[in-house]
Amino acid sequence: MTWAPVDTKATNMPGMLAMAQAFEHYVNDQGGLNGRKLKVLTCNEQNDSIAVTDCAEQADKAGAVAVVGSYSEEGNSFTSALEADDIPYIGGYGITQDEFQSLVSYPVNGGLPSLLAGSGRQLADLCKKVTLVRPDSITGDQFPLFLDQGLKAAQHAPATDLLTPDDASDYNAVAEQALGDDKPSSCVSSVLGDHTSTFFDALRRLGPDEKPKVRLSSVIGSVQQSVIDSTGGADSPLENAYITGWYPPASDPKWDEMKSVINKYAFGDDRINVSDPGVQTTWIAYTVFAKVVRGMGDKASITNDSVRRAMDATTRLSTGGLTPDLGWTQADMLGVPGHPRMVNAKVTYQAVREGRLVAARPGFVDMTSILRSQDQGS
């Protein structure tokens, strides 16, 4: 099963469901997994704790062997449900702390901790002052902790923390606060999911000549290529913004296989955008799932329990360079306080140049030592 929120007032991830369905057709056209047909169930978790628990119940009743490449901010609800049924959660989006604590969770990225710590480290070299605009929510309360860790690693002062609803239609007041004295040495980072572009538009309209002097930044998921395109491309207020991601930019040839699958099996499906990190995470998660199941052999019994045991024994699994090699053995765990299941804390630094998201520096940047440096709960 794959679940994600659709048609809600907050963050929506319909592309993850569409990517899972495209992968199903792709694998089955190749003869399945060791001759077995892959069946993918999808569920709208509605950004709601009851709905995601219902999704988990559906997965259990249907005999799903794993929940793969999914998004939910209701971490406590869905991990409790999956733990009760012993169903592995492979390649979640990484937005909740529970995904990095539950023994049935197998993350493929470093989640929000790595993104925000990476963003803080990147901004520390560029900005005298950093202001963070983030949701007034339990999930959002984590954001300044990790951003400040990245800033602190470079002896930079903590960010100014501005809270705002993540489903607001008007961000003028918080934009005015964030703009402050509008100096080029100041940076404003907005992490508001689908509403980030609305905030940056409000910020742009407050700036002189509709071009604020402050540097803009965010993390992938709040800003992706489609947001840049919809806000003006090269004339977007995001031009020259700094973005931290988990994976290489969508223009990287490492994504060619995913793009060909989308083109063949989801052509014309406007839910899928190749630059969407949700879509990318689902692709990586299913790639991991398929490799692990194929590695179990033709005669293995494929159950939730056998898949979980196979995941526990997996190490040095290649995703074709989209992530570092992955594994979930005890030796692969990074020892990040509060996030014991984290196995990949590497990020990419990107920037908006001439309306396109491009690599600001090659390769991955490892946030492990920064995330280990301080207990986020203290």
Protein backbone atom coordinates (compact mmCIF):
# COMPACT_ATOMS: atom_id res chain seq x y z
CA MET A 1 0.00 0.00 0.00
CA THR A 2 0.93 3.62 -0.57
CA TRP A 3 -0.89 6.42 1.24
CA ALA A 4 -0.72 10.19 0.95
CA PRO A 5 -2.99 13.21 1.53
CA VAL A 6 -5.18 14.31 -1.39
CA ASP A 7 -7.58 17.27 -1.68
CA THR A 8 -6.89 18.68 1.79
CA LYS A 9 -6.39 22.29 2.89
CA ALA A 10 -2.77 21.66 3.88
CA THR A 11 -0.01 19.70 2.08
CA ASN A 12 -1.18 17.32 -0.66
CA MET A 13 0.83 14.54 -2.29
CA PRO A 14 -1.31 12.92 -5.02
CA GLY A 15 1.77 12.28 -7.15
CA MET A 16 3.00 9.67 -4.67
CA LEU A 17 -0.11 7.55 -5.26
CA ALA A 18 0.22 7.97 -9.01
CA MET A 19 3.91 7.03 -8.94
CA ALA A 20 3.13 3.86 -6.98
CA GLN A 21 0.54 2.87 -9.57
CA ALA A 22 2.95 3.55 -12.44
CA PHE A 23 5.60 1.41 -10.73
CA GLU A 24 3.08 -1.42 -10.40
CA HIS A 25 2.48 -1.43 -14.17
CA TYR A 26 6.22 -1.13 -14.86
CA VAL A 27 7.20 -4.09 -12.67
CA ASN A 28 4.39 -6.31 -13.90
CA ASP A 29 5.32 -5.57 -17.53
CA GLN A 30 8.80 -6.87 -16.64
CA GLY A 31 7.37 -10.14 -15.34
CA GLY A 32 6.75 -9.06 -11.77
CA LEU A 33 8.97 -9.75 -8.78
CA ASN A 34 10.50 -13.19 -9.28
CA GLY A 35 7.44 -14.07 -11.32
CA ARG A 36 4.99 -12.73 -8.75
CA LYS A 37 2.57 -10.00 -9.73
CA LEU A 38 2.87 -6.77 -7.77
CA LYS A 39 -0.45 -5.38 -6.55
CA VAL A 40 -0.44 -1.80 -5.24
CA LEU A 41 -3.24 -0.43 -3.05
CA THR A 42 -3.56 3.33 -2.53
CA CYS A 43 -5.26 5.28 0.26
CA ASN A 44 -6.00 8.96 0.90
CA GLU A 45 -4.84 9.57 4.47
CA GLN A 46 -6.45 13.06 4.40
CA ASN A 47 -3.91 14.63 6.80
CA ASP A 48 -5.98 13.01 9.53
CA SER A 49 -5.04 10.59 12.32
CA ILE A 50 -8.26 8.56 12.01
CA ALA A 51 -8.02 8.34 8.22
CA VAL A 52 -4.41 7.13 8.26
CA THR A 53 -5.29 4.52 10.91
CA ASP A 54 -8.10 3.38 8.60
CA CYS A 55 -5.57 3.13 5.76
CA ALA A 56 -3.35 0.92 7.93
CA GLU A 57 -6.36 -1.24 8.79
CA GLN A 58 -7.15 -1.61 5.09
CA ALA A 59 -3.55 -2.64 4.45
CA ASP A 60 -3.76 -5.31 7.14
CA LYS A 61 -7.11 -6.69 5.94
CA ALA A 62 -5.85 -6.83 2.35
CA GLY A 63 -2.73 -8.73 3.42
CA ALA A 64 -0.34 -5.97 2.33
CA VAL A 65 3.27 -7.02 2.91
CA ALA A 66 4.50 -3.42 3.26
CA VAL A 67 3.50 0.23 3.16
CA VAL A 68 5.85 1.83 0.65
CA GLY A 69 6.75 5.39 -0.38
CA SER A 70 4.08 7.16 1.67
CA TYR A 71 3.43 10.53 3.32
CA SER A 72 1.67 11.30 6.59
CA GLU A 73 2.21 13.83 9.34
CA GLU A 74 0.31 11.57 11.78
CA GLY A 75 3.37 9.56 12.74
CA ASN A 76 2.23 8.32 16.12
CA SER A 77 -1.07 7.04 14.69
CA PHE A 78 0.26 5.15 11.71
CA THR A 79 3.38 3.70 13.32
CA SER A 80 1.31 2.34 16.23
CA ALA A 81 -1.12 0.73 13.77
CA LEU A 82 1.64 -0.78 11.64
CA GLU A 83 3.56 -2.04 14.66
CA ALA A 84 0.43 -3.81 15.90
CA ASP A 85 0.16 -5.64 12.57
CA ASP A 86 3.95 -6.02 12.03
CA ILE A 87 3.79 -4.30 8.62
CA PRO A 88 7.04 -2.64 7.47
CA TYR A 89 6.95 1.04 6.48
CA ILE A 90 9.51 1.43 3.69
CA GLY A 91 10.66 4.81 2.43
CA GLY A 92 8.30 7.19 4.19
CA TYR A 93 8.64 10.87 3.32
CA GLY A 94 10.47 11.51 6.60
CA ILE A 95 8.34 14.34 7.96
CA THR A 96 7.73 12.84 11.43
CA GLN A 97 10.11 11.78 14.19
CA ASP A 98 8.19 8.50 14.57
CA GLU A 99 9.51 7.38 11.17
CA PHE A 100 13.00 7.44 12.63
CA GLN A 101 12.07 5.62 15.84
CA SER A 102 9.70 2.78 14.96
CA LEU A 103 11.29 -0.64 14.48
CA VAL A 104 9.01 -1.29 11.49
CA SER A 105 10.20 1.88 9.69
CA TYR A 106 12.93 1.80 7.02
CA PRO A 107 13.66 5.40 5.95
CA VAL A 108 15.50 6.14 2.70
CA ASN A 109 16.32 9.80 3.42
CA GLY A 110 17.20 11.91 6.43
CA GLY A 111 13.77 13.53 6.62
CA LEU A 112 13.25 17.06 7.80
CA PRO A 113 16.16 16.92 10.29
CA SER A 114 18.76 16.52 7.54
CA LEU A 115 17.08 19.07 5.24
CA LEU A 116 16.84 21.76 7.90
CA ALA A 117 20.27 21.14 9.38
CA GLY A 118 21.67 21.21 5.85
CA SER A 119 19.86 24.44 5.08
CA GLY A 120 21.17 26.03 8.26
CA ARG A 121 24.72 25.00 7.44
CA GLN A 122 24.39 26.39 3.91
CA LEU A 123 22.90 29.69 5.08
CA ALA A 124 25.49 30.18 7.82
CA ASP A 125 28.07 31.07 5.17
CA LEU A 126 25.72 33.42 3.31
CA CYS A 127 23.67 35.36 5.84
CA LYS A 128 24.30 37.59 8.84
CA LYS A 129 20.73 37.04 10.00
CA VAL A 130 18.32 34.16 9.30
CA THR A 131 14.53 34.25 9.76
CA LEU A 132 12.54 31.02 9.59
CA VAL A 133 8.83 31.10 8.68
CA ARG A 134 7.23 27.78 9.54
CA PRO A 135 3.90 26.17 10.49
CA ASP A 136 2.44 26.67 13.93
CA SER A 137 2.09 22.92 14.51
CA ILE A 138 3.66 20.04 16.39
CA THR A 139 5.59 19.06 13.26
CA GLY A 140 6.63 22.67 12.69
CA ASP A 141 7.98 22.95 16.23
CA GLN A 142 10.89 20.70 15.17
CA PHE A 143 11.99 22.99 12.33
CA PRO A 144 13.95 25.67 14.24
CA LEU A 145 15.71 23.03 16.35
CA PHE A 146 17.34 21.43 13.31
CA LEU A 147 17.91 24.65 11.36
CA ASP A 148 19.69 26.09 14.39
CA GLN A 149 21.90 23.01 14.63
CA GLY A 150 23.16 23.70 11.12
CA LEU A 151 23.71 27.37 11.94
CA LYS A 152 25.43 26.56 15.24
CA ALA A 153 27.85 24.21 13.49
CA ALA A 154 29.29 27.30 11.78
CA GLN A 155 29.15 29.46 14.95
CA HIS A 156 26.13 31.37 13.62
CA ALA A 157 23.39 32.85 15.81
CA PRO A 158 20.04 31.00 15.94
CA ALA A 159 17.30 31.89 13.46
CA THR A 160 14.41 34.19 14.30
CA ASP A 161 11.41 31.86 14.54
CA LEU A 162 8.14 33.10 12.99
CA LEU A 163 5.05 30.91 13.34
CA THR A 164 2.06 31.01 10.98
CA PRO A 165 -0.79 28.67 9.95
CA ASP A 166 0.23 26.29 7.16
CA ASP A 167 -3.21 26.57 5.55
CA ALA A 168 -3.55 30.38 5.56
CA SER A 169 -4.62 32.25 2.42
CA ASP A 170 -2.91 35.51 3.39
CA TYR A 171 0.68 35.77 4.63
CA ASN A 172 1.10 39.56 4.38
CA ALA A 173 1.52 40.15 8.12
CA VAL A 174 4.15 37.45 8.66
CA ALA A 175 5.89 38.48 5.41
CA GLU A 176 6.24 42.02 6.75
CA GLN A 177 7.76 40.65 9.95
CA ALA A 178 10.15 38.41 8.02
CA LEU A 179 11.27 41.19 5.69
CA GLY A 180 12.47 43.33 8.61
CA ASP A 181 15.00 45.89 7.40
CA ASP A 182 15.29 44.11 4.00
CA LYS A 183 19.07 43.95 3.92
CA PRO A 184 20.93 41.81 1.34
CA SER A 185 22.87 40.24 4.22
CA SER A 186 19.63 38.84 5.70
CA CYS A 187 18.01 35.54 4.68
CA VAL A 188 14.40 34.43 4.91
CA SER A 189 13.69 30.70 4.87
CA SER A 190 10.09 29.57 4.46
CA VAL A 191 9.08 25.94 5.07
CA LEU A 192 5.31 25.89 4.60
CA GLY A 193 4.73 22.99 2.24
CA ASP A 194 2.20 23.80 -0.51
CA HIS A 195 1.75 27.33 0.87
CA THR A 196 5.40 28.37 0.58
CA SER A 197 4.80 30.00 -2.82
CA THR A 198 1.90 32.01 -1.34
CA PHE A 199 4.23 33.33 1.37
CA PHE A 200 7.01 34.22 -1.08
CA ASP A 201 4.49 36.04 -3.28
CA ALA A 202 3.43 38.11 -0.25
CA LEU A 203 7.10 38.81 0.51
CA ARG A 204 7.77 39.88 -3.07
CA ARG A 205 4.90 42.39 -3.03
CA LEU A 206 6.32 44.03 0.10
CA GLY A 207 9.80 44.52 -1.36
CA PRO A 208 10.96 47.64 -3.18
CA ASP A 209 10.27 47.30 -6.91
CA GLU A 210 8.68 43.95 -6.05
CA LYS A 211 12.18 42.49 -5.50
CA PRO A 212 13.09 42.07 -1.82
CA LYS A 213 16.80 42.44 -1.09
CA VAL A 214 16.86 39.59 1.40
CA ARG A 215 18.12 36.23 0.17
CA LEU A 216 15.47 33.54 0.01
CA SER A 217 15.84 29.91 0.96
CA SER A 218 13.78 26.83 1.66
CA VAL A 219 13.92 23.05 1.52
CA ILE A 220 12.81 20.69 -1.21
CA GLY A 221 9.15 19.85 -0.83
CA SER A 222 8.30 23.43 0.03
CA VAL A 223 9.99 24.57 -3.18
CA GLN A 224 10.32 22.49 -6.32
CA GLN A 225 10.58 23.24 -10.03
CA SER A 226 6.81 23.52 -10.51
CA VAL A 227 6.66 26.27 -7.86
CA ILE A 228 9.44 28.21 -9.58
CA ASP A 229 7.66 27.85 -12.93
CA SER A 230 4.30 28.98 -11.53
CA THR A 231 5.82 32.06 -9.85
CA GLY A 232 7.55 33.38 -12.96
CA GLY A 233 10.48 31.13 -13.89
CA ALA A 234 13.56 33.30 -14.29
CA ASP A 235 11.49 36.27 -13.05
CA SER A 236 10.28 34.37 -10.00
CA PRO A 237 11.01 35.88 -6.58
CA LEU A 238 12.81 32.56 -6.00
CA GLU A 239 15.51 33.36 -8.56
CA ASN A 240 18.89 32.90 -6.82
CA ALA A 241 17.20 31.21 -3.83
CA TYR A 242 19.05 28.44 -2.00
CA ILE A 243 17.29 25.09 -1.64
CA THR A 244 18.38 22.02 0.32
CA GLY A 245 17.24 18.64 -1.03
CA TRP A 246 17.63 14.93 -0.33
CA TYR A 247 18.31 13.87 -3.88
CA PRO A 248 20.01 15.17 -7.05
CA PRO A 249 18.05 17.78 -9.07
CA ALA A 250 15.43 16.38 -11.44
CA SER A 251 17.67 17.36 -14.38
CA ASP A 252 20.26 14.77 -13.28
CA PRO A 253 20.50 11.75 -15.65
CA LYS A 254 20.16 9.44 -12.62
CA TRP A 255 16.40 10.10 -12.83
CA ASP A 256 16.13 8.93 -16.47
CA GLU A 257 14.68 5.51 -15.60
CA MET A 258 11.97 7.08 -13.42
CA LYS A 259 11.15 9.58 -16.16
CA SER A 260 10.84 6.84 -18.78
CA VAL A 261 8.48 4.87 -16.50
CA ILE A 262 6.32 7.96 -15.93
CA ASN A 263 6.30 8.70 -19.66
CA LYS A 264 5.21 5.15 -20.53
CA TYR A 265 2.85 4.27 -17.69
CA ALA A 266 1.54 7.65 -16.47
CA PHE A 267 1.67 9.79 -19.60
CA GLY A 268 -0.74 12.68 -19.23
CA ASP A 269 -1.32 12.06 -15.52
CA ASP A 270 -1.07 15.59 -14.16
CA ARG A 271 -0.71 14.31 -10.60
CA ILE A 272 2.92 13.39 -11.34
CA ASN A 273 5.72 15.92 -11.50
CA VAL A 274 9.22 14.48 -11.88
CA SER A 275 10.68 17.22 -9.65
CA ASP A 276 8.26 16.47 -6.80
CA PRO A 277 10.29 15.03 -3.89
CA GLY A 278 7.24 12.99 -2.88
CA VAL A 279 7.18 11.32 -6.30
CA GLN A 280 10.95 10.84 -6.11
CA THR A 281 10.74 9.31 -2.63
CA THR A 282 8.04 6.88 -3.78
CA TRP A 283 10.18 5.86 -6.76
CA ILE A 284 13.20 5.23 -4.52
CA ALA A 285 11.11 3.38 -1.91
CA TYR A 286 9.62 1.02 -4.52
CA THR A 287 13.06 0.52 -6.06
CA VAL A 288 14.30 -0.58 -2.62
CA PHE A 289 11.25 -2.81 -2.05
CA ALA A 290 11.61 -4.49 -5.45
CA LYS A 291 15.34 -5.15 -4.99
CA VAL A 292 14.86 -6.61 -1.53
CA VAL A 293 11.99 -8.88 -2.61
CA ARG A 294 13.89 -10.07 -5.68
CA GLY A 295 16.85 -10.79 -3.44
CA MET A 296 14.68 -13.10 -1.33
CA GLY A 297 14.58 -15.60 -4.20
CA ASP A 298 11.93 -17.39 -6.24
CA LYS A 299 10.84 -19.81 -3.53
CA ALA A 300 10.65 -17.44 -0.56
CA SER A 301 7.32 -16.82 1.08
CA ILE A 302 6.58 -13.10 0.68
CA THR A 303 4.76 -11.90 3.80
CA ASN A 304 4.90 -8.80 5.94
CA ASP A 305 7.10 -10.70 8.41
CA SER A 306 9.51 -12.11 5.80
CA VAL A 307 9.84 -8.70 4.08
CA ARG A 308 10.61 -7.03 7.41
CA ARG A 309 13.27 -9.64 8.22
CA ALA A 310 14.79 -9.21 4.76
CA MET A 311 14.88 -5.43 5.25
CA ASP A 312 16.59 -5.90 8.63
CA ALA A 313 19.35 -7.85 6.88
CA THR A 314 19.80 -5.43 3.95
CA THR A 315 22.97 -3.39 3.66
CA ARG A 316 24.87 -1.61 0.85
CA LEU A 317 21.80 -1.49 -1.41
CA SER A 318 22.34 0.77 -4.43
CA THR A 319 19.69 3.19 -5.64
CA GLY A 320 21.70 4.12 -8.70
CA GLY A 321 23.21 7.19 -7.06
CA LEU A 322 19.89 8.80 -6.14
CA THR A 323 20.90 8.27 -2.51
CA PRO A 324 24.02 6.88 -0.90
CA ASP A 325 23.91 3.07 -0.67
CA LEU A 326 21.29 2.13 1.91
CA GLY A 327 20.98 -0.48 4.64
CA TRP A 328 19.04 -1.05 7.85
CA THR A 329 21.31 -3.38 9.82
CA GLN A 330 22.51 -2.22 13.22
CA ALA A 331 25.80 -1.19 11.64
CA ASP A 332 23.97 1.12 9.21
CA MET A 333 22.23 3.16 11.93
CA LEU A 334 23.85 6.59 12.34
CA GLY A 335 23.25 7.14 16.04
CA VAL A 336 21.41 10.44 15.66
CA PRO A 337 19.80 11.41 19.02
CA GLY A 338 16.04 10.96 18.94
CA HIS A 339 16.24 9.38 15.47
CA PRO A 340 17.79 5.93 15.96
CA ARG A 341 16.47 4.54 12.65
CA MET A 342 18.17 7.20 10.51
CA VAL A 343 20.57 5.59 8.03
CA ASN A 344 21.07 8.43 5.53
CA ALA A 345 21.72 12.01 6.65
CA LYS A 346 23.15 13.26 3.35
CA VAL A 347 21.65 16.20 1.47
CA THR A 348 22.20 18.09 -1.77
CA TYR A 349 22.68 21.84 -2.11
CA GLN A 350 20.70 23.39 -4.93
CA ALA A 351 20.04 26.91 -6.18
CA VAL A 352 17.62 28.58 -8.59
CA ARG A 353 19.50 29.84 -11.62
CA GLU A 354 17.70 31.30 -14.67
CA GLY A 355 14.47 29.77 -13.40
CA ARG A 356 15.84 26.24 -12.99
CA LEU A 357 16.78 24.21 -9.93
CA VAL A 358 20.41 23.22 -10.39
CA ALA A 359 23.13 21.77 -8.19
CA ALA A 360 24.86 24.50 -6.16
CA ARG A 361 27.68 22.06 -5.45
CA PRO A 362 28.25 18.50 -6.70
CA GLY A 363 27.40 15.37 -4.77
CA PHE A 364 26.03 14.86 -1.28
CA VAL A 365 26.81 16.77 1.92
CA ASP A 366 26.79 14.67 5.10
CA MET A 367 24.83 16.08 8.05
CA THR A 368 25.52 13.14 10.39
CA SER A 369 28.04 14.88 12.65
CA ILE A 370 25.87 18.01 12.91
CA LEU A 371 22.76 15.99 13.81
CA ARG A 372 24.75 13.99 16.38
CA SER A 373 26.13 17.12 17.99
CA GLN A 374 23.19 17.91 20.23
CA ASP A 375 20.15 16.10 21.57
CA GLN A 376 17.16 17.81 19.91
CA GLY A 377 15.10 17.16 22.99
CA SER A 378 17.33 19.19 25.27
